[in-house]
Every structure is written in structure tokens, then in C-alpha cells.
Amino acid sequence: MILVGRLDDIPLGEAVRIDGDVPVAVFNVDGRLFAIDDTCTHQDASLADGWLEGCMVECPLHASCFDLRTGMPSGPPARTPVRTHEVVVDDGLVYVRVTAAVGAGV
């Protein structure tokens, strides 16, 4: 699991980006945390820099929206979903369990 930081450091309606082999964005939607791959599948843009509306984040480049619960895009130009990841809160600290890439060995 990857340590994101303290729960208090992710304000409501905001996101934080965790850099790594694959950047991950963690969003706080009304107290519920969601984690997805941070890079838009249409073009190289940080979804953590996008606009959050409910459980949807809009890419800051070309307005593709992704559902934070499923990773599915709502329509073009993005056609490929982003991966979603499990978020764990333990003693006020937020962790992300990154989902293995498709085709990766376990």
C-alpha cells in the first residue's frame, strides 16, 4: 500500500496526486475517498487538476469525464477507462492499494 498522507490533508471537494510508477489521484467527495490513475487516457493530463462534480472528474484538457467509482469515461474524446484503486483509512492516515495493471503477474 502507498501512504497518501493524513485524512485532514485532503479537503472536501479536492484531490491530491501521488507520484510513482503510475501516478494516482485521490479525491475527497463529501467525505468519501476515491482513487484512480491520475493520467487521462485520452491525452497526458493530470486528472487531479480537473474539475470535480459529484463522483465525476472532468479532464482539464478536453472535457472527458471519468466516474471515480468505476473509472469509466462518460464519452469522447476519452474511450478507455482509468483504473480504480482501493482506499484504506487507518488511524487518520490514508493509504491506496494500487490495482495491478492488466496483464501483470501477481
C-alpha atoms as a PDB file:
ATOM      1  CA  MET A   1       0.000   0.000   0.000  1.00  0.00           C
ATOM      2  CA  ILE A   2       1.078   3.550  -0.687  1.00  0.00           C
ATOM      3  CA  LEU A   3       0.830   6.163   2.052  1.00  0.00           C
ATOM      4  CA  VAL A   4      -1.044   9.206   0.756  1.00  0.00           C
ATOM      5  CA  GLY A   5      -0.961  11.275   3.935  1.00  0.00           C
ATOM      6  CA  ARG A   6      -3.292  12.419   6.669  1.00  0.00           C
ATOM      7  CA  LEU A   7      -7.023  12.407   6.046  1.00  0.00           C
ATOM      8  CA  ASP A   8      -7.156  16.063   7.154  1.00  0.00           C
ATOM      9  CA  ASP A   9      -4.789  16.952   4.291  1.00  0.00           C
ATOM     10  CA  ILE A  10      -7.397  16.050   1.629  1.00  0.00           C
ATOM     11  CA  PRO A  11     -10.118  18.733   1.854  1.00  0.00           C
ATOM     12  CA  LEU A  12     -13.690  18.069   0.751  1.00  0.00           C
ATOM     13  CA  GLY A  13     -14.050  18.519  -2.999  1.00  0.00           C
ATOM     14  CA  GLU A  14     -10.295  18.363  -3.592  1.00  0.00           C
ATOM     15  CA  ALA A  15      -7.734  15.864  -4.853  1.00  0.00           C
ATOM     16  CA  VAL A  16      -4.117  15.000  -4.182  1.00  0.00           C
ATOM     17  CA  ARG A  17      -1.685  13.409  -6.601  1.00  0.00           C
ATOM     18  CA  ILE A  18       0.731  10.679  -5.588  1.00  0.00           C
ATOM     19  CA  ASP A  19       3.677  10.277  -7.925  1.00  0.00           C
ATOM     20  CA  GLY A  20       5.046   6.812  -8.549  1.00  0.00           C
ATOM     21  CA  ASP A  21       5.459   4.293 -11.356  1.00  0.00           C
ATOM     22  CA  VAL A  22       1.874   5.192 -12.235  1.00  0.00           C
ATOM     23  CA  PRO A  23       0.616   8.491 -10.746  1.00  0.00           C
ATOM     24  CA  VAL A  24      -2.571   8.124  -8.692  1.00  0.00           C
ATOM     25  CA  ALA A  25      -5.125  10.777  -7.742  1.00  0.00           C
ATOM     26  CA  VAL A  26      -7.129  10.569  -4.512  1.00  0.00           C
ATOM     27  CA  PHE A  27     -10.376  12.561  -4.401  1.00  0.00           C
ATOM     28  CA  ASN A  28     -12.475  13.530  -1.378  1.00  0.00           C
ATOM     29  CA  VAL A  29     -16.138  13.546  -2.413  1.00  0.00           C
ATOM     30  CA  ASP A  30     -18.266  14.601   0.563  1.00  0.00           C
ATOM     31  CA  GLY A  31     -16.050  12.605   2.915  1.00  0.00           C
ATOM     32  CA  ARG A  32     -15.791   9.525   0.675  1.00  0.00           C
ATOM     33  CA  LEU A  33     -12.359   8.859  -0.797  1.00  0.00           C
ATOM     34  CA  PHE A  34     -11.788   7.549  -4.318  1.00  0.00           C
ATOM     35  CA  ALA A  35      -8.501   6.729  -6.042  1.00  0.00           C
ATOM     36  CA  ILE A  36      -7.909   6.444  -9.793  1.00  0.00           C
ATOM     37  CA  ASP A  37      -4.957   6.551 -12.151  1.00  0.00           C
ATOM     38  CA  ASP A  38      -4.145  10.245 -12.421  1.00  0.00           C
ATOM     39  CA  THR A  39      -3.484  10.401 -16.151  1.00  0.00           C
ATOM     40  CA  CYS A  40      -6.335  10.903 -18.619  1.00  0.00           C
ATOM     41  CA  THR A  41      -6.483   8.021 -21.103  1.00  0.00           C
ATOM     42  CA  HIS A  42      -7.146  10.413 -23.985  1.00  0.00           C
ATOM     43  CA  GLN A  43      -4.118  12.631 -23.536  1.00  0.00           C
ATOM     44  CA  ASP A  44      -1.415  13.156 -20.923  1.00  0.00           C
ATOM     45  CA  ALA A  45      -3.193  15.372 -18.385  1.00  0.00           C
ATOM     46  CA  SER A  46      -3.447  15.149 -14.597  1.00  0.00           C
ATOM     47  CA  LEU A  47      -6.996  14.340 -13.520  1.00  0.00           C
ATOM     48  CA  ALA A  48      -6.156  15.701 -10.037  1.00  0.00           C
ATOM     49  CA  ASP A  49      -6.045  19.100 -11.791  1.00  0.00           C
ATOM     50  CA  GLY A  50      -9.528  18.546 -13.261  1.00  0.00           C
ATOM     51  CA  TRP A  51     -12.940  19.688 -12.076  1.00  0.00           C
ATOM     52  CA  LEU A  52     -14.860  17.562  -9.617  1.00  0.00           C
ATOM     53  CA  GLU A  53     -18.637  17.331  -9.755  1.00  0.00           C
ATOM     54  CA  GLY A  54     -20.149  14.635  -7.588  1.00  0.00           C
ATOM     55  CA  CYS A  55     -18.371  11.374  -8.387  1.00  0.00           C
ATOM     56  CA  MET A  56     -17.181  12.626 -11.786  1.00  0.00           C
ATOM     57  CA  VAL A  57     -13.903  14.346 -12.617  1.00  0.00           C
ATOM     58  CA  GLU A  58     -13.502  16.343 -15.821  1.00  0.00           C
ATOM     59  CA  CYS A  59     -10.120  16.279 -17.531  1.00  0.00           C
ATOM     60  CA  PRO A  60      -8.628  19.786 -17.678  1.00  0.00           C
ATOM     61  CA  LEU A  61      -7.646  19.424 -21.365  1.00  0.00           C
ATOM     62  CA  HIS A  62     -10.545  18.126 -23.446  1.00  0.00           C
ATOM     63  CA  ALA A  63     -13.523  17.773 -21.086  1.00  0.00           C
ATOM     64  CA  SER A  64     -13.597  13.976 -20.890  1.00  0.00           C
ATOM     65  CA  CYS A  65     -15.263  12.963 -17.638  1.00  0.00           C
ATOM     66  CA  PHE A  66     -14.430   9.869 -15.595  1.00  0.00           C
ATOM     67  CA  ASP A  67     -16.563   8.189 -12.935  1.00  0.00           C
ATOM     68  CA  LEU A  68     -14.457   7.928  -9.776  1.00  0.00           C
ATOM     69  CA  ARG A  69     -16.325   4.778  -8.708  1.00  0.00           C
ATOM     70  CA  THR A  70     -15.758   2.783 -11.898  1.00  0.00           C
ATOM     71  CA  GLY A  71     -13.093   4.637 -13.885  1.00  0.00           C
ATOM     72  CA  MET A  72     -15.373   4.674 -16.930  1.00  0.00           C
ATOM     73  CA  PRO A  73     -15.354   7.728 -19.210  1.00  0.00           C
ATOM     74  CA  SER A  74     -18.723   9.346 -19.877  1.00  0.00           C
ATOM     75  CA  GLY A  75     -17.938   9.855 -23.561  1.00  0.00           C
ATOM     76  CA  PRO A  76     -15.440  11.087 -26.130  1.00  0.00           C
ATOM     77  CA  PRO A  77     -12.789  12.049 -26.574  1.00  0.00           C
ATOM     78  CA  ALA A  78     -11.677   9.509 -23.917  1.00  0.00           C
ATOM     79  CA  ARG A  79     -12.802   5.974 -24.671  1.00  0.00           C
ATOM     80  CA  THR A  80     -10.599   3.929 -22.325  1.00  0.00           C
ATOM     81  CA  PRO A  81     -11.338   3.806 -18.582  1.00  0.00           C
ATOM     82  CA  VAL A  82      -8.793   4.620 -15.905  1.00  0.00           C
ATOM     83  CA  ARG A  83      -8.023   2.059 -13.210  1.00  0.00           C
ATOM     84  CA  THR A  84      -9.649   2.491  -9.818  1.00  0.00           C
ATOM     85  CA  HIS A  85      -7.826   1.659  -6.594  1.00  0.00           C
ATOM     86  CA  GLU A  86      -8.840   0.714  -3.071  1.00  0.00           C
ATOM     87  CA  VAL A  87      -8.507   3.451  -0.442  1.00  0.00           C
ATOM     88  CA  VAL A  88      -7.890   2.482   3.189  1.00  0.00           C
ATOM     89  CA  VAL A  89      -8.037   4.892   6.137  1.00  0.00           C
ATOM     90  CA  ASP A  90      -6.269   3.669   9.269  1.00  0.00           C
ATOM     91  CA  ASP A  91      -5.839   5.827  12.355  1.00  0.00           C
ATOM     92  CA  GLY A  92      -6.306   9.038  10.364  1.00  0.00           C
ATOM     93  CA  LEU A  93      -3.828   8.053   7.637  1.00  0.00           C
ATOM     94  CA  VAL A  94      -4.880   7.425   4.035  1.00  0.00           C
ATOM     95  CA  TYR A  95      -3.400   4.582   2.008  1.00  0.00           C
ATOM     96  CA  VAL A  96      -4.000   3.390  -1.549  1.00  0.00           C
ATOM     97  CA  ARG A  97      -3.735  -0.228  -2.621  1.00  0.00           C
ATOM     98  CA  VAL A  98      -2.821   0.102  -6.292  1.00  0.00           C
ATOM     99  CA  THR A  99      -4.626  -2.295  -8.601  1.00  0.00           C
ATOM    100  CA  ALA A 100      -2.321  -4.420 -10.743  1.00  0.00           C
ATOM    101  CA  ALA A 101      -2.067  -3.403 -14.371  1.00  0.00           C
ATOM    102  CA  VAL A 102      -3.993  -5.533 -16.847  1.00  0.00           C
ATOM    103  CA  GLY A 103      -1.844  -8.481 -17.839  1.00  0.00           C
ATOM    104  CA  ALA A 104       0.582  -8.015 -14.932  1.00  0.00           C
ATOM    105  CA  GLY A 105       1.636 -11.075 -12.963  1.00  0.00           C
ATOM    106  CA  VAL A 106       0.684 -11.405  -9.327  1.00  0.00           C
END
